[in-house]
Amino acid sequence: MAKREAILSVIYDAWGGMHPGAWRHPDAPKDPAMDFQHIKYLAQTAERGKLHAFFLADSLAYALEKDPQVLSLTSNVARFEPFTLCTALAMATQHIGLALTASTTYSEPFNIARMFASLDHLSGGRAGWNIVTSTGEAGANFNGFQPGRDDRYKRASEFYDVVAGLWDGLEDDAFLYDKAGGRFFDPEKIKSLNHKGEFYQVEGPLNISRPPQGHPVICQAGSSPAGLAFATRVAEILFTYGLDLEASKALYKEIKSMAAANGRDPDHIKVLPSLGIVLGHTQEEADAKLAQIDALADPQIGIERLKGLIDYDLAPHDLDGPVPEIPQTQSWSKTMQDYYLGMAREQNLTVRQLSLMAMRFDAVAMSAQAAADHIENYVVNEAADGFNISFADASGSLEILVDEVVPELQRRGVFRQDYQGTSFREDLGIPRPSARPQ
């Protein structure tokens, strides 16, 4: 029996590596966020490795480091608007999926439907939408608006339904381009949506032809009960936190069961845990690279970042003392709080150790061989369908993934030899949706 093949996505991090010390590395670009030639090189390198997706995360605020003095020690201050960047990358690549983050809280459904349809056309059917609800500080940039936790997913659910309805209001053969007969489109095949819901009123129809994929690939990263309920209803890629093997197997089984309960084929939702790494040709090299960027990051950054992640200021506490008992709050992501505070309790971490984990975003040092082992172990044992990989450094980890890890996975039969089909959906083995009746 053939082995399961891994799906691999890589995150482009505008900071020049997810670790706040990465931008100071001698080999890092001077301005990784705004150097398009560098970003194009990364996307083309990922495509050379036959990776499935180049994923652009986004933020609508300086979300983690609030203190300007601490923020100035990081490179988390600039990034391209992702639709604009993805359009440019679509012209520089041919096969790799281009997934980007767009908020349901601070966008309008008609605009998002039109923009993703445009990107899907321009990329030849390679667009993916990572749906987020934008918690945290973004509201300060949008008239102070910040819905409560329960309303965020209620809004997101209706938002998605409106966007999908707009895409589906256009039948695939609606545009006739009939020069002889003088008919540009068939009026019977373009329908108004006439949506009037709790949060949105959208008439439609959408003023662009239907996306080549029908719908761009839908991605989601909700891990709370509300987030999982939403994701297992609509998502085709579900980004999860990197957990140990047994916990990942349990979550994987739960997600597939929830998808089936929603009337979906469980194989049409791909579970990709996060994997934050620094790669080396050897373990010793990887350890040295991580230690180097650890040393380049100011310890204040970790404490300030934790303040945003757990909604609590650990600065007054002894750096080498235990993490104190901290109450759960409602003002930030419950998933983040549970994750970091649970890790502190389970591993008896000191404040310094937890702040270092926050600075690294849990990245670990791995040799190419160890990374191949890790990916194969999770995929073969049905703990994941693949991984969403981010790099702590900006000094060669992507190249090692492409030139060493991927060939090793191919040799083992757990990664494909080439792209499958021409669209992002075809490459993932996910069917193209037909236009639903309005």
Protein backbone atom coordinates (compact mmCIF):
# COMPACT_ATOMS: atom_id res chain seq x y z
CA MET A 1 0.00 0.00 0.00
CA ALA A 2 1.33 3.45 -0.97
CA LYS A 3 2.30 5.77 1.87
CA ARG A 4 0.33 8.93 2.53
CA GLU A 5 1.99 11.95 0.88
CA ALA A 6 2.61 15.10 2.90
CA ILE A 7 1.16 18.49 2.00
CA LEU A 8 3.72 21.22 2.69
CA SER A 9 3.00 24.94 2.98
CA VAL A 10 5.58 27.55 3.94
CA ILE A 11 4.81 30.84 5.65
CA TYR A 12 6.45 33.97 4.29
CA ASP A 13 7.31 35.99 7.37
CA ALA A 14 7.71 39.70 6.69
CA TRP A 15 10.03 39.99 9.67
CA GLY A 16 12.85 38.11 7.94
CA GLY A 17 12.26 35.05 10.09
CA MET A 18 9.68 34.62 12.82
CA HIS A 19 12.30 35.00 15.57
CA PRO A 20 12.81 38.66 16.57
CA GLY A 21 16.58 38.20 16.46
CA ALA A 22 16.54 36.91 12.87
CA TRP A 23 16.67 40.33 11.19
CA ARG A 24 20.02 41.03 12.90
CA HIS A 25 21.68 37.94 11.43
CA PRO A 26 24.51 38.93 9.05
CA ASP A 27 22.93 36.90 6.23
CA ALA A 28 19.44 38.38 6.62
CA PRO A 29 18.22 40.95 4.06
CA LYS A 30 18.41 44.55 5.20
CA ASP A 31 14.67 45.06 4.80
CA PRO A 32 13.02 41.61 4.40
CA ALA A 33 9.48 42.97 4.48
CA MET A 34 9.80 45.41 1.58
CA ASP A 35 12.43 43.73 -0.59
CA PHE A 36 10.29 42.28 -3.37
CA GLN A 37 13.20 40.60 -5.13
CA HIS A 38 13.94 38.68 -1.92
CA ILE A 39 10.28 37.68 -1.46
CA LYS A 40 10.08 36.59 -5.11
CA TYR A 41 13.20 34.47 -4.61
CA LEU A 42 11.59 32.76 -1.60
CA ALA A 43 8.37 31.99 -3.51
CA GLN A 44 10.31 30.66 -6.48
CA THR A 45 12.50 28.54 -4.20
CA ALA A 46 9.41 27.06 -2.56
CA GLU A 47 7.99 26.32 -6.01
CA ARG A 48 11.28 24.69 -7.06
CA GLY A 49 10.77 22.30 -4.14
CA LYS A 50 7.25 21.41 -5.41
CA LEU A 51 5.73 22.78 -2.19
CA HIS A 52 1.96 23.17 -2.21
CA ALA A 53 1.56 26.71 -0.93
CA PHE A 54 3.32 29.97 -0.20
CA PHE A 55 1.28 31.44 2.63
CA LEU A 56 1.21 35.15 3.51
CA ALA A 57 0.10 35.87 7.06
CA ASP A 58 -1.02 39.42 7.77
CA SER A 59 -1.71 41.80 10.61
CA LEU A 60 -3.74 44.99 10.72
CA ALA A 61 -1.87 46.37 13.75
CA TYR A 62 1.38 46.07 15.66
CA ALA A 63 -0.26 43.29 17.61
CA LEU A 64 2.27 41.90 20.09
CA GLU A 65 4.81 44.52 21.13
CA LYS A 66 2.91 47.58 22.40
CA ASP A 67 5.85 49.44 23.94
CA PRO A 68 7.44 51.55 21.15
CA GLN A 69 10.89 51.12 22.70
CA VAL A 70 10.54 47.33 22.63
CA LEU A 71 8.90 47.36 19.21
CA SER A 72 11.88 49.27 17.84
CA LEU A 73 14.06 46.26 18.70
CA THR A 74 12.09 44.08 16.26
CA SER A 75 11.39 44.16 12.52
CA ASN A 76 7.64 43.78 13.09
CA VAL A 77 6.77 47.22 11.72
CA ALA A 78 6.26 46.93 7.97
CA ARG A 79 4.75 44.54 5.45
CA PHE A 80 3.16 44.64 2.00
CA GLU A 81 -0.60 44.52 1.71
CA PRO A 82 -1.04 40.83 0.85
CA PHE A 83 -3.39 41.07 -2.17
CA THR A 84 -0.97 43.42 -3.90
CA LEU A 85 2.00 41.22 -3.05
CA CYS A 86 0.25 37.99 -4.11
CA THR A 87 -0.68 39.53 -7.45
CA ALA A 88 2.98 40.34 -8.09
CA LEU A 89 4.01 36.82 -6.99
CA ALA A 90 1.41 35.32 -9.31
CA MET A 91 3.35 36.86 -12.20
CA ALA A 92 6.62 35.39 -10.90
CA THR A 93 5.42 31.81 -10.29
CA GLN A 94 3.49 29.20 -12.24
CA HIS A 95 2.39 26.33 -10.00
CA ILE A 96 2.53 27.03 -6.26
CA GLY A 97 -0.65 27.96 -4.38
CA LEU A 98 -0.77 31.55 -3.11
CA ALA A 99 -2.70 31.74 0.17
CA LEU A 100 -3.21 35.01 2.00
CA THR A 101 -4.94 36.28 5.10
CA ALA A 102 -8.00 38.52 4.91
CA SER A 103 -10.15 39.57 7.84
CA THR A 104 -13.89 39.06 8.12
CA THR A 105 -14.10 41.69 10.86
CA TYR A 106 -12.44 44.56 9.01
CA SER A 107 -13.44 43.89 5.40
CA GLU A 108 -16.65 43.88 3.38
CA PRO A 109 -17.86 40.63 1.74
CA PHE A 110 -18.33 42.15 -1.73
CA ASN A 111 -14.78 43.53 -1.80
CA ILE A 112 -13.26 40.27 -0.57
CA ALA A 113 -15.23 38.19 -3.08
CA ARG A 114 -14.14 40.45 -5.92
CA MET A 115 -10.49 40.64 -4.85
CA PHE A 116 -10.09 36.87 -4.46
CA ALA A 117 -11.87 36.23 -7.76
CA SER A 118 -9.47 38.68 -9.40
CA LEU A 119 -6.42 37.02 -7.81
CA ASP A 120 -7.68 33.58 -8.82
CA HIS A 121 -7.99 34.72 -12.44
CA LEU A 122 -4.61 36.47 -12.46
CA SER A 123 -2.83 33.46 -10.93
CA GLY A 124 -4.51 30.86 -13.14
CA GLY A 125 -6.49 29.30 -10.29
CA ARG A 126 -3.93 29.39 -7.45
CA ALA A 127 -5.58 31.64 -4.84
CA GLY A 128 -6.31 30.63 -1.27
CA TRP A 129 -8.14 32.62 1.43
CA ASN A 130 -7.02 32.27 5.04
CA ILE A 131 -10.10 33.47 6.92
CA VAL A 132 -9.34 35.31 10.17
CA THR A 133 -11.54 37.22 12.57
CA SER A 134 -8.83 39.70 13.70
CA THR A 135 -8.68 39.70 17.47
CA GLY A 136 -6.43 42.02 19.44
CA GLU A 137 -5.55 45.59 18.57
CA ALA A 138 -6.82 45.91 14.99
CA GLY A 139 -10.02 47.64 16.11
CA ALA A 140 -8.07 50.76 17.02
CA ASN A 141 -7.43 51.26 13.31
CA PHE A 142 -11.07 50.72 12.33
CA ASN A 143 -13.14 53.21 14.33
CA GLY A 144 -12.52 51.28 17.54
CA PHE A 145 -14.78 48.45 16.42
CA GLN A 146 -14.07 45.11 18.12
CA PRO A 147 -16.84 42.49 18.31
CA GLY A 148 -17.01 40.09 21.22
CA ARG A 149 -15.57 36.58 20.94
CA ASP A 150 -18.92 34.92 20.20
CA ASP A 151 -19.91 37.51 17.60
CA ARG A 152 -16.59 37.21 15.76
CA TYR A 153 -17.40 33.74 14.47
CA LYS A 154 -21.08 34.51 13.92
CA ARG A 155 -19.99 37.41 11.72
CA ALA A 156 -17.34 35.26 10.01
CA SER A 157 -19.85 32.53 9.23
CA GLU A 158 -22.29 34.94 7.60
CA PHE A 159 -19.42 36.76 5.87
CA TYR A 160 -18.20 33.51 4.28
CA ASP A 161 -21.73 32.57 3.17
CA VAL A 162 -22.12 35.94 1.47
CA VAL A 163 -18.76 35.67 -0.31
CA ALA A 164 -19.47 32.10 -1.46
CA GLY A 165 -22.92 33.19 -2.59
CA LEU A 166 -21.42 35.98 -4.68
CA TRP A 167 -18.98 33.56 -6.32
CA ASP A 168 -21.83 31.13 -6.97
CA GLY A 169 -24.07 33.80 -8.47
CA LEU A 170 -22.02 33.50 -11.66
CA GLU A 171 -22.37 30.30 -13.66
CA ASP A 172 -19.20 29.11 -15.35
CA ASP A 173 -20.55 29.77 -18.85
CA ALA A 174 -22.37 33.01 -18.02
CA PHE A 175 -20.15 35.13 -20.28
CA LEU A 176 -20.86 34.37 -23.96
CA TYR A 177 -18.61 36.88 -25.74
CA ASP A 178 -20.87 36.36 -28.76
CA LYS A 179 -19.68 39.00 -31.24
CA ALA A 180 -21.85 37.75 -34.08
CA GLY A 181 -25.03 37.65 -32.02
CA GLY A 182 -24.19 40.76 -29.98
CA ARG A 183 -24.69 39.11 -26.61
CA PHE A 184 -21.81 39.57 -24.10
CA PHE A 185 -23.35 37.48 -21.31
CA ASP A 186 -26.40 35.34 -20.66
CA PRO A 187 -28.64 37.27 -18.25
CA GLU A 188 -30.18 34.01 -17.01
CA LYS A 189 -26.80 32.82 -15.71
CA ILE A 190 -25.87 35.81 -13.52
CA LYS A 191 -27.96 36.04 -10.36
CA SER A 192 -28.29 38.69 -7.66
CA LEU A 193 -27.69 37.44 -4.12
CA ASN A 194 -30.17 39.71 -2.30
CA HIS A 195 -28.71 38.77 1.08
CA LYS A 196 -30.21 40.37 4.19
CA GLY A 197 -28.75 38.88 7.32
CA GLU A 198 -27.90 39.75 10.90
CA PHE A 199 -24.66 41.56 10.00
CA TYR A 200 -24.64 42.13 6.23
CA GLN A 201 -26.91 43.29 3.43
CA VAL A 202 -25.47 42.54 -0.01
CA GLU A 203 -27.45 42.59 -3.24
CA GLY A 204 -24.89 41.51 -5.86
CA PRO A 205 -24.23 40.16 -8.40
CA LEU A 206 -20.44 40.13 -8.43
CA ASN A 207 -18.97 42.14 -11.32
CA ILE A 208 -16.37 39.62 -12.46
CA SER A 209 -16.60 36.15 -14.00
CA ARG A 210 -16.57 33.13 -11.72
CA PRO A 211 -13.15 32.23 -10.21
CA PRO A 212 -11.29 29.51 -12.16
CA GLN A 213 -11.39 27.31 -9.05
CA GLY A 214 -15.08 28.03 -8.46
CA HIS A 215 -14.04 29.09 -4.97
CA PRO A 216 -10.43 29.86 -4.02
CA VAL A 217 -9.14 27.29 -1.52
CA ILE A 218 -10.49 28.14 1.95
CA CYS A 219 -8.04 28.05 4.87
CA GLN A 220 -8.76 28.62 8.55
CA ALA A 221 -6.85 28.45 11.83
CA GLY A 222 -9.57 28.41 14.49
CA SER A 223 -8.77 26.10 17.40
CA SER A 224 -11.47 27.12 19.89
CA PRO A 225 -14.77 25.20 19.83
CA ALA A 226 -16.36 28.01 17.81
CA GLY A 227 -13.34 28.15 15.50
CA LEU A 228 -13.32 24.39 14.91
CA ALA A 229 -17.07 24.35 14.27
CA PHE A 230 -16.65 27.07 11.65
CA ALA A 231 -13.52 25.53 10.10
CA THR A 232 -14.99 22.05 9.77
CA ARG A 233 -18.00 23.54 7.98
CA VAL A 234 -16.12 25.66 5.41
CA ALA A 235 -12.34 25.13 5.43
CA GLU A 236 -10.34 22.97 3.05
CA ILE A 237 -7.05 23.60 4.84
CA LEU A 238 -7.10 23.81 8.63
CA PHE A 239 -4.00 25.22 10.30
CA THR A 240 -3.55 23.86 13.82
CA TYR A 241 -0.98 24.28 16.58
CA GLY A 242 1.95 21.92 16.67
CA LEU A 243 1.16 19.35 19.38
CA ASP A 244 2.83 16.11 20.37
CA LEU A 245 2.05 13.04 18.28
CA GLU A 246 -0.73 11.54 20.42
CA ALA A 247 -2.50 14.87 20.95
CA SER A 248 -2.21 15.60 17.23
CA LYS A 249 -3.70 12.21 16.36
CA ALA A 250 -6.66 12.88 18.65
CA LEU A 251 -7.24 16.36 17.20
CA TYR A 252 -6.88 15.05 13.64
CA LYS A 253 -9.51 12.37 14.30
CA GLU A 254 -11.84 14.93 15.90
CA ILE A 255 -11.52 17.33 12.94
CA LYS A 256 -12.21 14.61 10.38
CA SER A 257 -15.22 13.41 12.39
CA MET A 258 -16.61 16.94 12.67
CA ALA A 259 -16.20 17.42 8.91
CA ALA A 260 -18.11 14.17 8.27
CA ALA A 261 -20.85 15.28 10.66
CA ASN A 262 -21.20 18.41 8.51
CA GLY A 263 -21.84 16.21 5.50
CA ARG A 264 -18.37 16.68 4.05
CA ASP A 265 -15.82 14.18 2.76
CA PRO A 266 -13.19 14.17 5.56
CA ASP A 267 -10.43 13.90 2.97
CA HIS A 268 -11.44 17.29 1.60
CA ILE A 269 -10.23 19.09 4.72
CA LYS A 270 -6.44 19.01 5.05
CA VAL A 271 -5.05 19.34 8.58
CA LEU A 272 -1.71 21.16 8.66
CA PRO A 273 -0.15 21.70 12.11
CA SER A 274 2.36 24.51 12.50
CA LEU A 275 6.03 23.58 12.43
CA GLY A 276 8.44 26.35 13.41
CA ILE A 277 12.01 25.37 12.69
CA VAL A 278 15.58 26.37 12.13
CA LEU A 279 17.14 23.85 9.76
CA GLY A 280 20.77 22.84 9.55
CA HIS A 281 22.66 20.31 7.47
CA THR A 282 23.40 18.70 10.85
CA GLN A 283 21.79 18.97 14.28
CA GLU A 284 24.86 20.78 15.59
CA GLU A 285 24.59 23.40 12.87
CA ALA A 286 20.87 23.88 13.52
CA ASP A 287 21.45 24.26 17.28
CA ALA A 288 24.17 26.83 16.64
CA LYS A 289 21.94 28.84 14.29
CA LEU A 290 19.11 28.97 16.83
CA ALA A 291 21.50 29.91 19.65
CA GLN A 292 22.90 32.71 17.50
CA ILE A 293 19.56 34.35 16.84
CA ASP A 294 18.51 33.80 20.48
CA ALA A 295 21.56 35.86 21.47
CA LEU A 296 20.68 38.59 18.95
CA ALA A 297 17.20 39.19 20.46
CA ASP A 298 16.75 41.50 23.43
CA PRO A 299 15.09 39.63 26.39
CA GLN A 300 12.60 42.51 26.75
CA ILE A 301 10.96 41.38 23.53
CA GLY A 302 9.92 38.03 25.00
CA ILE A 303 8.33 39.61 28.07
CA GLU A 304 6.50 42.21 25.97
CA ARG A 305 5.35 39.59 23.48
CA LEU A 306 3.99 37.39 26.28
CA LYS A 307 1.98 40.34 27.54
CA GLY A 308 0.10 40.28 24.26
CA LEU A 309 -0.18 36.50 24.09
CA ILE A 310 -1.42 35.81 27.63
CA ASP A 311 -2.88 39.23 28.54
CA TYR A 312 -0.63 39.51 31.60
CA ASP A 313 2.57 41.45 32.32
CA LEU A 314 5.33 39.21 33.69
CA ALA A 315 7.89 42.04 33.85
CA PRO A 316 7.57 42.52 37.66
CA HIS A 317 8.28 38.82 38.28
CA ASP A 318 11.67 37.19 38.77
CA LEU A 319 12.98 36.09 35.37
CA ASP A 320 14.31 32.88 36.87
CA GLY A 321 11.28 32.22 39.06
CA PRO A 322 8.23 30.15 38.13
CA VAL A 323 5.43 31.50 35.97
CA PRO A 324 2.71 32.59 38.45
CA GLU A 325 -0.90 31.45 38.36
CA ILE A 326 -2.64 33.71 35.85
CA PRO A 327 -6.43 33.96 35.43
CA GLN A 328 -8.03 33.35 32.05
CA THR A 329 -9.33 36.59 30.50
CA GLN A 330 -11.67 37.40 27.65
CA SER A 331 -9.69 40.17 25.93
CA TRP A 332 -7.38 38.07 23.75
CA SER A 333 -7.22 34.66 22.17
CA LYS A 334 -8.23 31.98 24.65
CA THR A 335 -6.33 29.45 22.54
CA MET A 336 -3.09 31.40 22.92
CA GLN A 337 -3.55 31.81 26.65
CA ASP A 338 -4.35 28.14 27.18
CA TYR A 339 -1.41 27.08 25.04
CA TYR A 340 1.32 29.15 26.70
CA LEU A 341 0.05 28.91 30.25
CA GLY A 342 -0.56 25.18 29.86
CA MET A 343 2.99 24.74 28.56
CA ALA A 344 4.37 26.70 31.51
CA ARG A 345 2.53 24.47 34.00
CA GLU A 346 3.30 21.17 32.31
CA GLN A 347 7.00 21.88 31.85
CA ASN A 348 7.52 23.93 35.05
CA LEU A 349 8.98 26.76 33.00
CA THR A 350 10.53 29.87 34.48
CA VAL A 351 9.47 33.31 33.28
CA ARG A 352 12.70 33.51 31.26
CA GLN A 353 12.09 30.13 29.61
CA LEU A 354 8.49 30.95 28.71
CA SER A 355 9.51 34.33 27.30
CA LEU A 356 12.14 32.60 25.17
CA MET A 357 9.45 30.22 23.83
CA ALA A 358 7.29 33.25 22.99
CA MET A 359 10.20 34.94 21.21
CA ARG A 360 10.86 31.81 19.18
CA PHE A 361 7.16 31.16 18.55
CA ASP A 362 8.09 27.63 19.71
CA ALA A 363 10.59 27.12 16.87
CA VAL A 364 13.00 24.23 17.33
CA ALA A 365 16.34 23.41 15.75
CA MET A 366 16.33 20.38 13.45
CA SER A 367 18.69 18.71 11.06
CA ALA A 368 17.32 17.97 7.60
CA GLN A 369 17.11 14.30 8.57
CA ALA A 370 15.21 15.06 11.78
CA ALA A 371 12.74 17.28 9.92
CA ALA A 372 12.06 14.52 7.38
CA ASP A 373 11.54 12.04 10.25
CA HIS A 374 9.12 14.41 12.00
CA ILE A 375 7.04 15.07 8.88
CA GLU A 376 6.89 11.40 7.92
CA ASN A 377 5.99 10.29 11.46
CA TYR A 378 2.99 12.62 11.71
CA VAL A 379 1.68 12.02 8.19
CA VAL A 380 2.07 8.23 8.18
CA ASN A 381 0.46 7.95 11.63
CA GLU A 382 -2.53 10.14 10.67
CA ALA A 383 -1.67 12.93 13.05
CA ALA A 384 -1.54 15.42 10.14
CA ASP A 385 -1.96 15.69 6.39
CA GLY A 386 1.21 17.76 6.26
CA PHE A 387 2.62 20.91 7.85
CA ASN A 388 2.47 24.69 7.66
CA ILE A 389 6.15 25.50 8.06
CA SER A 390 7.61 28.74 9.36
CA PHE A 391 11.28 29.51 9.78
CA ALA A 392 12.77 31.21 12.80
CA ASP A 393 15.74 32.38 10.76
CA ALA A 394 16.32 34.11 7.44
CA SER A 395 19.60 32.32 6.78
CA GLY A 396 19.09 29.24 4.67
CA SER A 397 16.40 27.07 6.27
CA LEU A 398 14.08 27.25 3.23
CA GLU A 399 16.90 26.14 0.96
CA ILE A 400 17.68 23.18 3.21
CA LEU A 401 13.99 22.23 3.21
CA VAL A 402 13.87 22.31 -0.59
CA ASP A 403 17.27 20.78 -1.32
CA GLU A 404 17.54 18.17 1.45
CA VAL A 405 14.28 17.53 3.31
CA VAL A 406 12.04 17.30 0.23
CA PRO A 407 14.33 14.89 -1.67
CA GLU A 408 14.54 12.69 1.43
CA LEU A 409 10.74 12.64 1.75
CA GLN A 410 10.47 11.82 -1.95
CA ARG A 411 12.93 8.97 -1.52
CA ARG A 412 10.75 7.61 1.30
CA GLY A 413 7.59 7.92 -0.82
CA VAL A 414 5.89 10.50 1.42
CA PHE A 415 6.11 13.53 -0.90
CA ARG A 416 5.08 13.85 -4.52
CA GLN A 417 7.50 14.25 -7.42
CA ASP A 418 5.70 17.10 -9.17
CA TYR A 419 2.66 19.36 -9.14
CA GLN A 420 -0.71 17.70 -9.76
CA GLY A 421 -2.98 19.58 -12.18
CA THR A 422 -2.93 23.31 -12.82
CA SER A 423 -4.93 24.80 -9.93
CA PHE A 424 -4.34 24.92 -6.18
CA ARG A 425 -7.43 22.73 -5.69
CA GLU A 426 -6.25 20.12 -8.17
CA ASP A 427 -2.84 20.04 -6.51
CA LEU A 428 -4.48 19.35 -3.14
CA GLY A 429 -6.88 16.76 -4.52
CA ILE A 430 -9.92 18.86 -3.54
CA PRO A 431 -12.84 19.03 -6.00
CA ARG A 432 -13.95 22.24 -7.66
CA PRO A 433 -17.36 23.31 -6.29
CA SER A 434 -20.24 23.80 -8.69
CA ALA A 435 -22.21 27.01 -8.50
CA ARG A 436 -24.99 26.54 -5.99
CA PRO A 437 -28.51 27.75 -6.87
CA GLN A 438 -29.27 31.22 -5.47
